[in-house]
Amino acid sequence: MPLKKGSSKKVVSQNIETEMAHGKPQAQAVAIALHVAGKSKPKGKK
């Protein structure tokens, strides 16, 4: 199933779930979903 286009939290979340259902590790699924949405990974707190 192809990933959905869009950058809303709902679409990104659905894309993460889709990737994880296909056996990707969580970190990789997040990276793929954010890349498709055109966003960068949030920076951690220092």
PDB file of N, CA and C in Angstrom:
ATOM      1  N   MET A   1       0.846  -1.176   0.000  1.00  0.00           N
ATOM      2  CA  MET A   1       0.000   0.000   0.000  1.00  0.00           C
ATOM      3  C   MET A   1       0.895   1.244   0.000  1.00  0.00           C
ATOM      4  N   PRO A   2       0.680   2.155  -0.915  1.00  0.00           N
ATOM      5  CA  PRO A   2       1.517   3.353  -0.962  1.00  0.00           C
ATOM      6  C   PRO A   2       1.216   4.277   0.206  1.00  0.00           C
ATOM      7  N   LEU A   3       2.194   5.089   0.545  1.00  0.00           N
ATOM      8  CA  LEU A   3       2.020   6.031   1.637  1.00  0.00           C
ATOM      9  C   LEU A   3       1.170   7.203   1.173  1.00  0.00           C
ATOM     10  N   LYS A   4       0.450   7.795   2.133  1.00  0.00           N
ATOM     11  CA  LYS A   4      -0.407   8.932   1.818  1.00  0.00           C
ATOM     12  C   LYS A   4       0.431  10.195   1.730  1.00  0.00           C
ATOM     13  N   LYS A   5      -0.012  11.128   0.902  1.00  0.00           N
ATOM     14  CA  LYS A   5       0.669  12.406   0.774  1.00  0.00           C
ATOM     15  C   LYS A   5       0.039  13.387   1.749  1.00  0.00           C
ATOM     16  N   GLY A   6       0.852  14.266   2.276  1.00  0.00           N
ATOM     17  CA  GLY A   6       0.366  15.272   3.222  1.00  0.00           C
ATOM     18  C   GLY A   6       1.331  15.420   4.358  1.00  0.00           C
ATOM     19  N   SER A   7       1.157  16.498   5.119  1.00  0.00           N
ATOM     20  CA  SER A   7       2.095  16.750   6.204  1.00  0.00           C
ATOM     21  C   SER A   7       1.405  16.919   7.548  1.00  0.00           C
ATOM     22  N   SER A   8       0.114  16.608   7.622  1.00  0.00           N
ATOM     23  CA  SER A   8      -0.581  16.723   8.900  1.00  0.00           C
ATOM     24  C   SER A   8      -0.157  15.593   9.831  1.00  0.00           C
ATOM     25  N   LYS A   9      -0.358  15.792  11.123  1.00  0.00           N
ATOM     26  CA  LYS A   9       0.010  14.772  12.103  1.00  0.00           C
ATOM     27  C   LYS A   9      -0.730  13.464  11.832  1.00  0.00           C
ATOM     28  N   LYS A  10      -1.985  13.572  11.410  1.00  0.00           N
ATOM     29  CA  LYS A  10      -2.798  12.390  11.150  1.00  0.00           C
ATOM     30  C   LYS A  10      -2.217  11.551  10.005  1.00  0.00           C
ATOM     31  N   VAL A  11      -1.826  12.197   8.930  1.00  0.00           N
ATOM     32  CA  VAL A  11      -1.274  11.499   7.768  1.00  0.00           C
ATOM     33  C   VAL A  11       0.084  10.891   8.101  1.00  0.00           C
ATOM     34  N   VAL A  12       0.930  11.656   8.799  1.00  0.00           N
ATOM     35  CA  VAL A  12       2.245  11.145   9.179  1.00  0.00           C
ATOM     36  C   VAL A  12       2.087   9.929  10.082  1.00  0.00           C
ATOM     37  N   SER A  13       1.163  10.006  11.026  1.00  0.00           N
ATOM     38  CA  SER A  13       0.918   8.897  11.939  1.00  0.00           C
ATOM     39  C   SER A  13       0.449   7.652  11.186  1.00  0.00           C
ATOM     40  N   GLN A  14      -0.442   7.834  10.232  1.00  0.00           N
ATOM     41  CA  GLN A  14      -0.926   6.702   9.433  1.00  0.00           C
ATOM     42  C   GLN A  14       0.204   6.096   8.613  1.00  0.00           C
ATOM     43  N   ASN A  15       1.083   6.931   8.080  1.00  0.00           N
ATOM     44  CA  ASN A  15       2.211   6.422   7.304  1.00  0.00           C
ATOM     45  C   ASN A  15       3.187   5.647   8.183  1.00  0.00           C
ATOM     46  N   ILE A  16       3.387   6.099   9.417  1.00  0.00           N
ATOM     47  CA  ILE A  16       4.250   5.370  10.346  1.00  0.00           C
ATOM     48  C   ILE A  16       3.650   3.998  10.639  1.00  0.00           C
ATOM     49  N   GLU A  17       2.353   3.954  10.903  1.00  0.00           N
ATOM     50  CA  GLU A  17       1.675   2.681  11.166  1.00  0.00           C
ATOM     51  C   GLU A  17       1.785   1.742   9.969  1.00  0.00           C
ATOM     52  N   THR A  18       1.642   2.294   8.766  1.00  0.00           N
ATOM     53  CA  THR A  18       1.734   1.478   7.552  1.00  0.00           C
ATOM     54  C   THR A  18       3.120   0.862   7.416  1.00  0.00           C
ATOM     55  N   GLU A  19       4.155   1.663   7.623  1.00  0.00           N
ATOM     56  CA  GLU A  19       5.524   1.158   7.502  1.00  0.00           C
ATOM     57  C   GLU A  19       5.830   0.113   8.568  1.00  0.00           C
ATOM     58  N   MET A  20       5.374   0.342   9.794  1.00  0.00           N
ATOM     59  CA  MET A  20       5.626  -0.620  10.861  1.00  0.00           C
ATOM     60  C   MET A  20       4.878  -1.929  10.605  1.00  0.00           C
ATOM     61  N   ALA A  21       3.703  -1.837   9.993  1.00  0.00           N
ATOM     62  CA  ALA A  21       2.952  -3.049   9.653  1.00  0.00           C
ATOM     63  C   ALA A  21       3.681  -3.875   8.597  1.00  0.00           C
ATOM     64  N   HIS A  22       4.527  -3.212   7.802  1.00  0.00           N
ATOM     65  CA  HIS A  22       5.314  -3.911   6.784  1.00  0.00           C
ATOM     66  C   HIS A  22       6.664  -4.373   7.312  1.00  0.00           C
ATOM     67  N   GLY A  23       6.863  -4.292   8.641  1.00  0.00           N
ATOM     68  CA  GLY A  23       8.053  -4.869   9.248  1.00  0.00           C
ATOM     69  C   GLY A  23       9.236  -3.931   9.446  1.00  0.00           C
ATOM     70  N   LYS A  24       9.039  -2.637   9.230  1.00  0.00           N
ATOM     71  CA  LYS A  24      10.138  -1.698   9.440  1.00  0.00           C
ATOM     72  C   LYS A  24      10.265  -1.376  10.934  1.00  0.00           C
ATOM     73  N   PRO A  25      11.487  -1.166  11.432  1.00  0.00           N
ATOM     74  CA  PRO A  25      11.656  -0.716  12.821  1.00  0.00           C
ATOM     75  C   PRO A  25      11.027   0.672  12.994  1.00  0.00           C
ATOM     76  N   GLN A  26      10.647   1.018  14.229  1.00  0.00           N
ATOM     77  CA  GLN A  26       9.947   2.269  14.474  1.00  0.00           C
ATOM     78  C   GLN A  26      10.751   3.489  14.007  1.00  0.00           C
ATOM     79  N   ALA A  27      12.036   3.532  14.318  1.00  0.00           N
ATOM     80  CA  ALA A  27      12.851   4.693  13.939  1.00  0.00           C
ATOM     81  C   ALA A  27      12.893   4.868  12.424  1.00  0.00           C
ATOM     82  N   GLN A  28      12.992   3.771  11.703  1.00  0.00           N
ATOM     83  CA  GLN A  28      13.035   3.842  10.240  1.00  0.00           C
ATOM     84  C   GLN A  28      11.674   4.255   9.688  1.00  0.00           C
ATOM     85  N   ALA A  29      10.602   3.746  10.289  1.00  0.00           N
ATOM     86  CA  ALA A  29       9.253   4.102   9.843  1.00  0.00           C
ATOM     87  C   ALA A  29       8.996   5.594  10.031  1.00  0.00           C
ATOM     88  N   VAL A  30       9.452   6.145  11.155  1.00  0.00           N
ATOM     89  CA  VAL A  30       9.290   7.576  11.416  1.00  0.00           C
ATOM     90  C   VAL A  30      10.073   8.383  10.393  1.00  0.00           C
ATOM     91  N   ALA A  31      11.303   7.977  10.129  1.00  0.00           N
ATOM     92  CA  ALA A  31      12.136   8.697   9.162  1.00  0.00           C
ATOM     93  C   ALA A  31      11.497   8.697   7.773  1.00  0.00           C
ATOM     94  N   ILE A  32      10.978   7.570   7.355  1.00  0.00           N
ATOM     95  CA  ILE A  32      10.345   7.474   6.035  1.00  0.00           C
ATOM     96  C   ILE A  32       9.110   8.360   5.974  1.00  0.00           C
ATOM     97  N   ALA A  33       8.269   8.290   7.007  1.00  0.00           N
ATOM     98  CA  ALA A  33       7.025   9.075   7.024  1.00  0.00           C
ATOM     99  C   ALA A  33       7.314  10.571   7.013  1.00  0.00           C
ATOM    100  N   LEU A  34       8.311  11.007   7.778  1.00  0.00           N
ATOM    101  CA  LEU A  34       8.646  12.424   7.798  1.00  0.00           C
ATOM    102  C   LEU A  34       9.266  12.866   6.474  1.00  0.00           C
ATOM    103  N   HIS A  35      10.030  11.988   5.848  1.00  0.00           N
ATOM    104  CA  HIS A  35      10.627  12.313   4.550  1.00  0.00           C
ATOM    105  C   HIS A  35       9.535  12.508   3.501  1.00  0.00           C
ATOM    106  N   VAL A  36       8.546  11.622   3.493  1.00  0.00           N
ATOM    107  CA  VAL A  36       7.447  11.723   2.531  1.00  0.00           C
ATOM    108  C   VAL A  36       6.661  13.013   2.774  1.00  0.00           C
ATOM    109  N   ALA A  37       6.529  13.412   4.052  1.00  0.00           N
ATOM    110  CA  ALA A  37       5.779  14.615   4.384  1.00  0.00           C
ATOM    111  C   ALA A  37       6.582  15.886   4.149  1.00  0.00           C
ATOM    112  N   GLY A  38       7.887  15.751   3.907  1.00  0.00           N
ATOM    113  CA  GLY A  38       8.721  16.922   3.676  1.00  0.00           C
ATOM    114  C   GLY A  38       9.110  17.623   4.963  1.00  0.00           C
ATOM    115  N   LYS A  39       9.114  16.896   6.069  1.00  0.00           N
ATOM    116  CA  LYS A  39       9.478  17.467   7.362  1.00  0.00           C
ATOM    117  C   LYS A  39      10.785  16.861   7.832  1.00  0.00           C
ATOM    118  N   SER A  40      11.422  17.556   8.768  1.00  0.00           N
ATOM    119  CA  SER A  40      12.635  17.006   9.369  1.00  0.00           C
ATOM    120  C   SER A  40      12.294  16.431  10.729  1.00  0.00           C
ATOM    121  N   LYS A  41      13.151  15.562  11.225  1.00  0.00           N
ATOM    122  CA  LYS A  41      12.927  14.931  12.522  1.00  0.00           C
ATOM    123  C   LYS A  41      13.043  15.987  13.614  1.00  0.00           C
ATOM    124  N   PRO A  42      12.113  15.986  14.570  1.00  0.00           N
ATOM    125  CA  PRO A  42      12.195  16.974  15.653  1.00  0.00           C
ATOM    126  C   PRO A  42      13.474  16.810  16.469  1.00  0.00           C
ATOM    127  N   LYS A  43      14.060  17.915  16.858  1.00  0.00           N
ATOM    128  CA  LYS A  43      15.280  17.869  17.667  1.00  0.00           C
ATOM    129  C   LYS A  43      14.920  17.529  19.106  1.00  0.00           C
ATOM    130  N   GLY A  44      15.786  16.787  19.766  1.00  0.00           N
ATOM    131  CA  GLY A  44      15.571  16.444  21.158  1.00  0.00           C
ATOM    132  C   GLY A  44      15.922  17.604  22.079  1.00  0.00           C
ATOM    133  N   LYS A  45      15.459  17.529  23.314  1.00  0.00           N
ATOM    134  CA  LYS A  45      15.772  18.568  24.292  1.00  0.00           C
ATOM    135  C   LYS A  45      17.193  18.393  24.778  1.00  0.00           C
ATOM    136  N   LYS A  46      17.848  19.492  25.063  1.00  0.00           N
ATOM    137  CA  LYS A  46      19.217  19.424  25.583  1.00  0.00           C
ATOM    138  C   LYS A  46      19.220  19.699  27.064  1.00  0.00           C
TER     139      LYS A  46
END
